[in-house]
């Protein structure tokens, strides 16, 4: 699932090799091209966010590149609200003319707000991104997650339905909508979504966990246990598998051995 993944991906995307390159070459070398300096700053943020923050803040003339590296470093330090404010500010900077780039910054800001457990500002950021990229399924799904955090299940269902109108074959969107519809006590509709998700992607751990919850709520304890065990067997190290283990533990049941 994509939940809160955008900023984390930005932090980690360059990997250990790029981080080593950043360590070998000082970021304050004035001869470095701006693009190289930006890549090395992001790489440094993956391994040493405090050092990256200092480098970004000391980067004279770095503009949006320095600002974005600063935001990624702040997120790496767990200072999510500050990261979100920085990203929102960058997205509104008239110097950034590309609407797609600005929409991506709003998306990252929204995810940072979610990491800070602030769904209201997150919705504002995602909505700003949607004004630039109307109907974008990922932005709609992210805004739905913000609404779900705010327990606005009707709003979440509406956004996910709009996302599915654009991307009807995405299992992740179907599972998210199933969760919202379960919260709305629309069990039949929720089960239809999760069953479609499993037809599209058999063995999907998130879908199996959600179907297990629906079965348990309907009184089918054995069916729920079977789905949760399958979820763990399908993706043992995933967040979905951890959720399945927690459900099993609450029932006094054990997960399969790894």
Protein backbone atom coordinates (compact mmCIF):
# COMPACT_ATOMS: atom_id res chain seq x y z
CA UNK A 1 0.00 0.00 0.00
CA UNK A 2 1.08 3.52 -0.75
CA UNK A 3 0.06 4.97 2.61
CA UNK A 4 2.72 7.50 3.76
CA UNK A 5 5.21 6.10 1.24
CA UNK A 6 6.01 9.13 -0.93
CA UNK A 7 8.30 10.92 1.50
CA UNK A 8 9.89 7.70 2.75
CA UNK A 9 10.72 6.79 -0.84
CA UNK A 10 12.33 10.16 -1.37
CA UNK A 11 14.48 9.63 1.71
CA UNK A 12 15.68 6.18 0.66
CA UNK A 13 15.64 6.27 -3.13
CA UNK A 14 19.34 6.87 -3.73
CA UNK A 15 20.58 4.00 -1.57
CA UNK A 16 23.82 3.18 0.14
CA UNK A 17 26.07 3.73 -2.88
CA UNK A 18 24.91 7.31 -3.33
CA UNK A 19 25.21 7.92 0.39
CA UNK A 20 28.82 6.77 0.24
CA UNK A 21 29.44 9.16 -2.64
CA UNK A 22 28.02 11.99 -0.56
CA UNK A 23 30.37 11.11 2.27
CA UNK A 24 33.37 11.20 -0.08
CA UNK A 25 32.56 14.59 -1.63
CA UNK A 26 31.77 17.62 0.57
CA UNK A 27 28.45 19.25 -0.25
CA UNK A 28 29.94 22.69 0.27
CA UNK A 29 32.26 22.34 -2.75
CA UNK A 30 31.27 25.36 -4.89
CA UNK A 31 32.43 23.53 -8.02
CA UNK A 32 29.74 20.87 -7.70
CA UNK A 33 26.92 21.18 -10.27
CA UNK A 34 23.59 21.95 -8.66
CA UNK A 35 21.97 18.66 -9.72
CA UNK A 36 24.87 16.62 -8.32
CA UNK A 37 24.79 18.55 -5.07
CA UNK A 38 21.04 17.94 -4.78
CA UNK A 39 21.43 14.18 -5.34
CA UNK A 40 24.20 13.98 -2.77
CA UNK A 41 22.19 16.00 -0.28
CA UNK A 42 19.25 13.59 -0.64
CA UNK A 43 21.62 10.63 -0.32
CA UNK A 44 23.07 12.14 2.85
CA UNK A 45 19.54 12.56 4.20
CA UNK A 46 19.07 8.80 3.87
CA UNK A 47 21.95 7.99 6.20
CA UNK A 48 22.70 11.17 8.17
CA UNK A 49 19.65 13.43 8.14
CA UNK A 50 21.06 15.88 10.66
CA UNK A 51 24.14 16.45 8.51
CA UNK A 52 21.94 16.79 5.44
CA UNK A 53 19.77 19.36 7.21
CA UNK A 54 22.82 21.46 8.04
CA UNK A 55 24.12 21.12 4.48
CA UNK A 56 20.77 22.13 2.97
CA UNK A 57 20.37 25.11 5.27
CA UNK A 58 23.89 26.25 4.44
CA UNK A 59 23.45 25.87 0.67
CA UNK A 60 23.47 29.43 -0.60
CA UNK A 61 21.62 29.83 -3.86
CA UNK A 62 20.24 26.30 -3.65
CA UNK A 63 16.66 27.46 -4.08
CA UNK A 64 14.02 24.75 -4.36
CA UNK A 65 16.63 21.96 -4.46
CA UNK A 66 18.05 23.00 -1.11
CA UNK A 67 14.55 23.46 0.29
CA UNK A 68 13.45 20.01 -0.77
CA UNK A 69 16.55 18.37 0.67
CA UNK A 70 15.90 20.26 3.91
CA UNK A 71 12.34 18.91 4.00
CA UNK A 72 13.49 15.34 3.40
CA UNK A 73 16.10 15.69 6.14
CA UNK A 74 13.48 17.06 8.55
CA UNK A 75 11.27 14.06 7.81
CA UNK A 76 14.22 11.76 8.40
CA UNK A 77 14.63 13.35 11.82
CA UNK A 78 10.95 12.77 12.62
CA UNK A 79 10.17 16.49 12.43
CA UNK A 80 7.19 15.85 10.20
CA UNK A 81 5.22 19.06 10.75
CA UNK A 82 8.26 21.16 9.87
CA UNK A 83 8.85 19.02 6.79
CA UNK A 84 5.23 19.44 5.74
CA UNK A 85 5.35 23.21 6.13
CA UNK A 86 8.53 23.38 4.09
CA UNK A 87 7.04 21.21 1.32
CA UNK A 88 3.79 23.19 1.25
CA UNK A 89 5.83 26.38 0.93
CA UNK A 90 7.87 24.95 -1.93
CA UNK A 91 4.71 23.83 -3.73
CA UNK A 92 3.38 27.39 -3.57
CA UNK A 93 6.66 28.98 -4.70
CA UNK A 94 6.00 30.81 -7.98
CA UNK A 95 9.56 29.94 -9.03
CA UNK A 96 8.35 26.36 -9.54
CA UNK A 97 6.30 26.68 -12.70
CA UNK A 98 5.70 23.01 -13.56
CA UNK A 99 2.21 22.03 -12.29
CA UNK A 100 3.15 18.33 -12.11
CA UNK A 101 6.16 19.14 -9.91
CA UNK A 102 4.07 21.34 -7.65
CA UNK A 103 1.38 18.64 -7.35
CA UNK A 104 4.04 16.11 -6.32
CA UNK A 105 5.32 18.51 -3.64
CA UNK A 106 1.76 18.95 -2.31
CA UNK A 107 1.43 15.15 -2.23
CA UNK A 108 4.65 14.83 -0.25
CA UNK A 109 3.48 17.60 2.09
CA UNK A 110 0.21 15.78 2.69
CA UNK A 111 2.03 12.57 3.52
CA UNK A 112 4.29 14.44 5.93
CA UNK A 113 1.21 15.89 7.64
CA UNK A 114 -0.17 12.36 7.95
CA UNK A 115 3.09 11.22 9.55
CA UNK A 116 2.57 14.08 12.00
CA UNK A 117 -0.99 12.76 12.65
CA UNK A 118 -2.56 15.98 11.36
CA UNK A 119 -5.26 14.91 8.89
CA UNK A 120 -6.77 18.38 8.47
CA UNK A 121 -3.68 20.04 6.99
CA UNK A 122 -3.02 16.82 5.05
CA UNK A 123 -6.40 17.12 3.33
CA UNK A 124 -5.62 20.73 2.44
CA UNK A 125 -2.32 19.72 0.84
CA UNK A 126 -3.83 16.84 -1.10
CA UNK A 127 -6.71 19.05 -2.26
CA UNK A 128 -4.22 21.63 -3.50
CA UNK A 129 -2.45 18.89 -5.44
CA UNK A 130 -5.75 17.74 -6.93
CA UNK A 131 -6.46 21.24 -8.22
CA UNK A 132 -3.28 20.87 -10.25
CA UNK A 133 -3.84 17.21 -11.18
CA UNK A 134 -7.64 16.71 -11.15
CA UNK A 135 -8.77 13.13 -10.74
CA UNK A 136 -5.30 11.76 -9.98
CA UNK A 137 -5.91 8.34 -8.35
CA UNK A 138 -2.92 8.51 -6.03
CA UNK A 139 -3.78 11.96 -4.71
CA UNK A 140 -7.40 10.91 -4.27
CA UNK A 141 -6.32 7.79 -2.38
CA UNK A 142 -4.01 9.81 -0.16
CA UNK A 143 -6.77 12.30 0.60
CA UNK A 144 -9.05 9.36 1.39
CA UNK A 145 -6.50 8.15 3.95
CA UNK A 146 -6.46 11.60 5.51
CA UNK A 147 -10.25 11.56 5.70
CA UNK A 148 -10.14 8.07 7.22
CA UNK A 149 -7.71 9.30 9.87
CA UNK A 150 -10.33 11.98 10.59
CA UNK A 151 -13.01 9.23 10.67
CA UNK A 152 -14.77 10.79 7.69
CA UNK A 153 -15.64 7.43 6.16
CA UNK A 154 -18.17 8.85 3.72
CA UNK A 155 -15.60 11.28 2.37
CA UNK A 156 -13.01 8.52 2.13
CA UNK A 157 -15.44 6.30 0.22
CA UNK A 158 -16.23 9.16 -2.17
CA UNK A 159 -12.56 9.85 -2.93
CA UNK A 160 -11.78 6.16 -3.42
CA UNK A 161 -14.76 5.73 -5.73
CA UNK A 162 -13.46 8.65 -7.80
CA UNK A 163 -9.99 7.09 -7.85
CA UNK A 164 -11.42 3.73 -8.94
CA UNK A 165 -13.34 5.42 -11.75
CA UNK A 166 -9.92 6.36 -13.16
CA UNK A 167 -8.09 3.15 -12.14
CA UNK A 168 -10.67 0.36 -11.77
CA UNK A 169 -8.12 -2.48 -11.71
CA UNK A 170 -6.01 -1.35 -8.76
CA UNK A 171 -6.34 -3.82 -5.86
CA UNK A 172 -4.93 -1.36 -3.32
CA UNK A 173 -7.73 1.12 -4.01
CA UNK A 174 -10.35 -1.61 -3.74
CA UNK A 175 -8.99 -2.77 -0.37
CA UNK A 176 -8.96 0.79 0.95
CA UNK A 177 -12.55 1.32 -0.16
CA UNK A 178 -13.54 -1.99 1.40
CA UNK A 179 -12.12 -0.76 4.71
CA UNK A 180 -14.06 2.51 4.45
CA UNK A 181 -17.27 0.69 3.54
CA UNK A 182 -16.82 -1.72 6.45
CA UNK A 183 -16.61 1.31 8.74
CA UNK A 184 -19.85 2.54 7.14
CA UNK A 185 -21.49 -0.83 7.95
CA UNK A 186 -21.75 -1.67 4.24
CA UNK A 187 -20.38 -5.18 4.67
CA UNK A 188 -21.78 -6.56 1.42
CA UNK A 189 -20.23 -3.77 -0.66
CA UNK A 190 -16.97 -4.09 1.26
CA UNK A 191 -16.80 -7.83 0.58
CA UNK A 192 -17.47 -7.24 -3.12
CA UNK A 193 -14.51 -4.86 -3.26
CA UNK A 194 -12.13 -7.18 -1.45
CA UNK A 195 -13.16 -10.19 -3.53
CA UNK A 196 -12.51 -8.20 -6.71
CA UNK A 197 -9.11 -7.19 -5.34
CA UNK A 198 -8.24 -10.85 -4.77
CA UNK A 199 -9.36 -11.78 -8.27
CA UNK A 200 -7.07 -9.11 -9.65
CA UNK A 201 -4.19 -10.03 -7.36
CA UNK A 202 -4.59 -13.48 -5.79
CA UNK A 203 -2.90 -13.82 -2.42
CA UNK A 204 -2.70 -10.06 -1.80
CA UNK A 205 -1.93 -9.81 1.92
CA UNK A 206 -3.81 -6.54 2.50
CA UNK A 207 -6.92 -7.93 0.84
CA UNK A 208 -6.70 -11.16 2.85
CA UNK A 209 -6.45 -9.24 6.12
CA UNK A 210 -9.48 -7.10 5.23
CA UNK A 211 -11.49 -10.12 4.12
CA UNK A 212 -10.58 -11.83 7.39
CA UNK A 213 -11.96 -8.89 9.36
CA UNK A 214 -15.17 -8.96 7.33
CA UNK A 215 -15.55 -12.71 7.89
CA UNK A 216 -14.92 -12.32 11.61
CA UNK A 217 -17.51 -9.55 11.87
CA UNK A 218 -19.97 -11.89 10.13
CA UNK A 219 -19.32 -14.63 12.69
CA UNK A 220 -17.04 -16.77 10.53
CA UNK A 221 -14.13 -17.15 12.93
CA UNK A 222 -12.61 -20.11 11.08
CA UNK A 223 -12.71 -18.26 7.78
CA UNK A 224 -11.14 -15.19 9.34
CA UNK A 225 -8.33 -17.24 10.86
CA UNK A 226 -7.67 -18.93 7.51
CA UNK A 227 -7.39 -15.59 5.71
CA UNK A 228 -5.07 -14.12 8.32
CA UNK A 229 -2.84 -17.18 8.19
CA UNK A 230 -2.73 -16.90 4.39
CA UNK A 231 -1.80 -13.23 4.64
CA UNK A 232 1.18 -14.09 6.85
CA UNK A 233 2.26 -16.92 4.57
CA UNK A 234 1.94 -14.64 1.53
CA UNK A 235 4.06 -11.72 2.83
CA UNK A 236 5.58 -12.63 6.17
CA UNK A 237 7.52 -9.39 6.70
CA UNK A 238 4.85 -6.96 5.54
CA UNK A 239 2.73 -4.54 7.55
CA UNK A 240 -0.29 -6.60 6.50
CA UNK A 241 1.25 -9.73 8.01
CA UNK A 242 1.88 -7.87 11.25
CA UNK A 243 -1.76 -6.79 11.30
CA UNK A 244 -2.82 -10.40 10.72
CA UNK A 245 -0.64 -11.57 13.63
CA UNK A 246 -2.26 -8.99 15.88
CA UNK A 247 -5.74 -10.19 14.90
CA UNK A 248 -4.76 -13.80 15.58
CA UNK A 249 -3.19 -12.86 18.92
CA UNK A 250 -6.39 -11.15 20.01
CA UNK A 251 -8.14 -14.45 19.40
CA UNK A 252 -5.52 -16.38 21.36
CA UNK A 253 -4.23 -18.00 18.16
CA UNK A 254 -0.68 -18.27 16.91
CA UNK A 255 0.71 -17.36 13.52
CA UNK A 256 2.47 -19.95 11.37
CA UNK A 257 6.16 -20.40 11.98
CA UNK A 258 8.43 -18.51 9.60
